Amino acid sequence: MTAPQTQSTAPAEKERRQNTKVGVVISDKMEKTRTIAVQRSVRHPFYKKIIRRTSTFHAHDEKNVSKAGDTVKIVETRPLSKLKRWRLVEVLNKAKVTE
């Protein structure tokens, strides 16, 4: 006797955990592209002091909703251009407008 074959209950597409980062928009001069600065704290290997490191990412902003100074959340995506590998998810804090 052979056991009846059943389909697995696992979803057909494996859900991948997406890499997300929070940073500040430092440039909004391009159309639908924002430059985001993300800061992280690392311990110096010899001096053991905590130092700040900044990385910049180019993110796709389809509706041009973010402006320079805004705090935004970005998520990793497929390559959209030579430099863009991130997509803007939401604007967390708007920058204060000063004139």
Protein backbone atom coordinates (compact mmCIF):
# COMPACT_ATOMS: atom_id res chain seq x y z
CA MET A 1 0.00 0.00 0.00
CA THR A 2 1.28 3.40 -0.91
CA ALA A 3 0.35 6.50 1.02
CA PRO A 4 -1.65 9.13 -0.89
CA GLN A 5 0.45 12.03 -2.05
CA THR A 6 -0.47 15.37 -0.55
CA GLN A 7 0.60 18.82 -1.54
CA SER A 8 2.82 20.63 0.90
CA THR A 9 1.18 23.40 2.87
CA ALA A 10 4.24 25.63 2.45
CA PRO A 11 3.64 28.76 0.37
CA ALA A 12 4.82 28.56 -3.21
CA GLU A 13 6.96 31.65 -2.84
CA LYS A 14 9.37 31.78 0.08
CA GLU A 15 9.03 35.05 1.90
CA ARG A 16 12.39 36.71 2.27
CA ARG A 17 13.13 39.05 5.13
CA GLN A 18 13.74 42.45 3.57
CA ASN A 19 16.57 44.64 4.75
CA THR A 20 15.24 48.00 5.98
CA LYS A 21 17.10 51.10 7.12
CA VAL A 22 16.14 54.48 8.56
CA GLY A 23 18.03 57.57 7.44
CA VAL A 24 17.90 61.24 6.51
CA VAL A 25 17.43 62.59 2.97
CA ILE A 26 20.51 64.61 2.08
CA SER A 27 19.73 65.27 -1.59
CA ASP A 28 16.47 65.53 -3.52
CA LYS A 29 17.83 67.11 -6.71
CA MET A 30 17.19 64.11 -8.98
CA GLU A 31 13.80 63.09 -10.34
CA LYS A 32 12.37 60.14 -8.37
CA THR A 33 15.71 59.49 -6.67
CA ARG A 34 16.79 60.47 -3.18
CA THR A 35 20.18 60.21 -1.53
CA ILE A 36 19.80 58.87 2.00
CA ALA A 37 22.45 59.06 4.77
CA VAL A 38 22.25 56.22 7.30
CA GLN A 39 24.31 56.44 10.50
CA ARG A 40 25.45 53.46 12.54
CA SER A 41 27.56 53.18 15.67
CA VAL A 42 30.53 50.81 15.75
CA ARG A 43 33.16 50.09 18.36
CA HIS A 44 36.73 50.88 17.34
CA PRO A 45 38.69 47.61 17.31
CA PHE A 46 41.70 48.94 19.22
CA TYR A 47 40.55 51.99 21.18
CA LYS A 48 37.12 50.49 22.07
CA LYS A 49 35.48 53.90 21.62
CA ILE A 50 32.08 54.11 19.95
CA ILE A 51 32.35 55.98 16.64
CA ARG A 52 29.69 56.96 14.11
CA ARG A 53 29.88 55.75 10.53
CA THR A 54 27.71 57.14 7.74
CA SER A 55 26.68 55.25 4.62
CA THR A 56 24.82 56.79 1.69
CA PHE A 57 22.22 55.00 -0.40
CA HIS A 58 20.28 56.00 -3.50
CA ALA A 59 16.59 55.21 -3.09
CA HIS A 60 13.68 55.29 -5.53
CA ASP A 61 10.90 57.73 -4.57
CA GLU A 62 8.12 57.17 -7.11
CA LYS A 63 5.91 60.13 -6.09
CA ASN A 64 8.65 62.60 -5.07
CA VAL A 65 7.12 62.93 -1.59
CA SER A 66 10.33 63.33 0.42
CA LYS A 67 12.46 66.45 0.63
CA ALA A 68 15.93 67.20 2.00
CA GLY A 69 16.05 66.81 5.78
CA ASP A 70 13.20 64.30 6.03
CA THR A 71 13.69 61.10 8.04
CA VAL A 72 12.64 58.15 5.88
CA LYS A 73 12.49 54.36 5.90
CA ILE A 74 13.97 52.51 2.92
CA VAL A 75 13.80 48.85 1.93
CA GLU A 76 16.16 46.81 -0.22
CA THR A 77 14.86 45.89 -3.67
CA ARG A 78 16.03 44.61 -7.03
CA PRO A 79 18.48 46.80 -8.95
CA LEU A 80 16.55 49.70 -10.48
CA SER A 81 19.51 51.47 -12.08
CA LYS A 82 23.28 51.60 -11.82
CA LEU A 83 23.17 52.97 -8.26
CA LYS A 84 19.60 52.44 -7.01
CA ARG A 85 19.05 49.28 -4.97
CA TRP A 86 16.66 50.76 -2.40
CA ARG A 87 13.05 51.95 -2.44
CA LEU A 88 11.47 54.57 -0.18
CA VAL A 89 8.73 53.04 1.97
CA GLU A 90 7.53 55.94 4.10
CA VAL A 91 8.42 59.36 5.42
CA LEU A 92 8.76 59.12 9.19
CA ASN A 93 9.41 62.80 10.03
CA LYS A 94 9.12 65.85 7.82
CA ALA A 95 11.92 68.41 7.95
CA LYS A 96 11.16 71.72 9.58
CA VAL A 97 10.95 74.47 6.96
CA THR A 98 13.11 77.47 7.74
CA GLU A 99 13.28 80.55 5.57
